[in-house]
Structure formats: structure tokens, C-alpha cells
Amino acid sequence: MSHRIFTMSFSKVYPLYLQKAERKKRSKQEVDQIICWLTGYSQAKLQRQIDREIDFATFFAEAPAMHPNSALIKGVVCGIRVEEITDPLMQKIRHLDKLIDELAKGKALDKILR
């Protein structure tokens, strides 16, 4: 089953991640650090992906290396436990959502980056 989020442009959702974090006095740098930690992108490659306006499926397919500790990300996003999501791409997207949620809730960066 293909979800609508898979074909959404990452560059359209990225500003929403920033807004969510900045509303809680967190920085773009922290958001980028989380994304780079999770996906293995460098800051420059992350910016290139945003500039290319690729969709989420491509963003994660081209990610250099998902962090091995991403399996430790647990909790609920949109009413669903991330550790119980069976679709690998949806789980990666929800892992990112969960990390951004934790940042916005004031959790320390060293705790977020397990």
C-alpha cells in the first residue's frame, strides 16, 4: 500500500519540522542535526536533497546510512506506536517525526540522539 506521504516533497514538509521546533525555542541547526544523525546525510547533502525537492521515498532511499540506533526509537506518533509499524519506509518517516516531536517537547539533544 502506498501512502500519500511517500510521494510528498520532503522540501515541503521540512519547513513544518522547523516551525514545530522553533515554536518551542529550538533551532534549525538542531533539526538538521537530528535529520543527519538519523539518515547519514551530511549538512551539505541534506541541503542538496531539500533543493532538489525530492519526495520522501527518494529522500530515504538515497540516505547514506540509517543510524543503527534508530531501532531504539519508540513511542507514539499520530496515535501509532512507531516500533509496531511494518512498512519500512513509513517507519523511517515516523522515526523522524518522533525525533522532531521529542525536540519540540524540550528533550535534550543527547537524549534524542540515542
Protein backbone atom coordinates (compact mmCIF):
# COMPACT_ATOMS: atom_id res chain seq x y z
CA MET A 1 0.00 0.00 0.00
CA SER A 2 1.38 3.38 -0.97
CA HIS A 3 0.77 6.24 1.41
CA ARG A 4 0.38 9.82 0.27
CA ILE A 5 3.35 10.91 2.40
CA PHE A 6 5.68 8.72 0.28
CA THR A 7 5.16 10.98 -2.73
CA MET A 8 5.12 14.28 -0.81
CA SER A 9 8.10 16.53 -1.33
CA PHE A 10 10.50 16.42 1.61
CA SER A 11 11.24 20.11 0.99
CA LYS A 12 7.55 20.93 1.60
CA VAL A 13 7.48 19.13 4.97
CA TYR A 14 10.93 20.27 6.15
CA PRO A 15 9.72 23.84 6.95
CA LEU A 16 6.97 22.30 9.11
CA TYR A 17 9.62 20.44 11.11
CA LEU A 18 11.45 23.76 11.55
CA GLN A 19 8.30 25.61 12.60
CA LYS A 20 7.42 22.94 15.15
CA ALA A 21 10.91 23.11 16.68
CA GLU A 22 11.25 26.90 16.53
CA ARG A 23 7.88 27.42 18.24
CA LYS A 24 9.48 25.68 21.22
CA LYS A 25 12.68 27.76 21.03
CA ARG A 26 14.70 25.01 19.31
CA SER A 27 16.92 25.75 16.31
CA LYS A 28 17.19 24.81 12.63
CA GLN A 29 20.67 23.52 13.48
CA GLU A 30 19.15 21.04 15.97
CA VAL A 31 16.54 19.88 13.44
CA ASP A 32 19.26 19.37 10.82
CA GLN A 33 21.46 17.55 13.32
CA ILE A 34 18.62 15.11 14.05
CA ILE A 35 17.93 14.51 10.35
CA CYS A 36 21.63 13.98 9.61
CA TRP A 37 22.03 11.64 12.61
CA LEU A 38 19.07 9.52 11.50
CA THR A 39 19.85 9.35 7.77
CA GLY A 40 23.62 9.71 7.50
CA TYR A 41 23.33 12.78 5.26
CA SER A 42 25.94 15.48 5.72
CA GLN A 43 24.65 19.03 6.15
CA ALA A 44 25.57 19.83 2.52
CA LYS A 45 23.88 16.69 1.16
CA LEU A 46 20.78 17.34 3.25
CA GLN A 47 20.53 20.84 1.76
CA ARG A 48 21.03 19.41 -1.73
CA GLN A 49 18.14 16.98 -1.19
CA ILE A 50 15.92 19.84 0.02
CA ASP A 51 16.90 21.92 -3.02
CA ARG A 52 16.11 19.01 -5.37
CA GLU A 53 12.55 18.85 -3.97
CA ILE A 54 12.59 15.05 -3.90
CA ASP A 55 9.81 13.01 -2.33
CA PHE A 56 10.07 11.16 0.98
CA ALA A 57 10.55 7.79 -0.73
CA THR A 58 13.57 9.10 -2.65
CA PHE A 59 14.88 11.01 0.37
CA PHE A 60 15.07 7.84 2.44
CA ALA A 61 16.11 5.59 -0.49
CA GLU A 62 19.12 7.85 -1.11
CA ALA A 63 20.00 8.25 2.58
CA PRO A 64 23.65 7.23 3.02
CA ALA A 65 23.01 5.08 6.12
CA MET A 66 20.16 4.92 8.57
CA HIS A 67 21.57 5.15 12.08
CA PRO A 68 21.84 1.70 13.68
CA ASN A 69 20.26 3.07 16.87
CA SER A 70 17.11 4.11 15.01
CA ALA A 71 15.66 0.78 16.17
CA LEU A 72 15.74 2.23 19.70
CA ILE A 73 13.22 4.94 18.74
CA LYS A 74 9.98 4.03 20.47
CA GLY A 75 6.75 5.78 21.25
CA VAL A 76 3.58 7.05 19.66
CA VAL A 77 3.25 9.31 16.62
CA CYS A 78 -0.18 10.09 15.20
CA GLY A 79 -1.67 7.51 17.55
CA ILE A 80 0.51 4.68 16.25
CA ARG A 81 3.47 3.04 18.03
CA VAL A 82 6.49 3.57 15.77
CA GLU A 83 8.06 0.26 16.79
CA GLU A 84 4.96 -1.61 15.51
CA ILE A 85 4.90 -0.07 12.01
CA THR A 86 5.56 -2.84 9.49
CA ASP A 87 6.22 -0.77 6.34
CA PRO A 88 9.96 0.08 6.41
CA LEU A 89 9.57 3.46 4.67
CA MET A 90 6.66 4.54 6.87
CA GLN A 91 8.64 3.51 9.93
CA LYS A 92 11.60 5.70 8.84
CA ILE A 93 9.27 8.66 8.29
CA ARG A 94 7.64 8.15 11.69
CA HIS A 95 11.05 7.78 13.36
CA LEU A 96 11.91 11.23 12.03
CA ASP A 97 8.54 12.60 13.19
CA LYS A 98 9.13 11.14 16.66
CA LEU A 99 12.59 12.69 16.95
CA ILE A 100 11.27 16.11 15.92
CA ASP A 101 8.43 15.71 18.46
CA GLU A 102 10.96 14.95 21.20
CA LEU A 103 12.97 18.05 20.24
CA ALA A 104 9.84 20.21 20.32
CA LYS A 105 8.94 18.80 23.74
CA GLY A 106 12.24 20.08 25.12
CA LYS A 107 14.13 16.81 25.34
CA ALA A 108 17.93 17.23 25.41
CA LEU A 109 19.63 16.59 22.08
CA ASP A 110 21.99 13.98 23.54
CA LYS A 111 18.94 12.01 24.75
CA ILE A 112 17.20 12.32 21.36
CA LEU A 113 20.29 11.08 19.52
CA ARG A 114 20.23 7.78 21.39
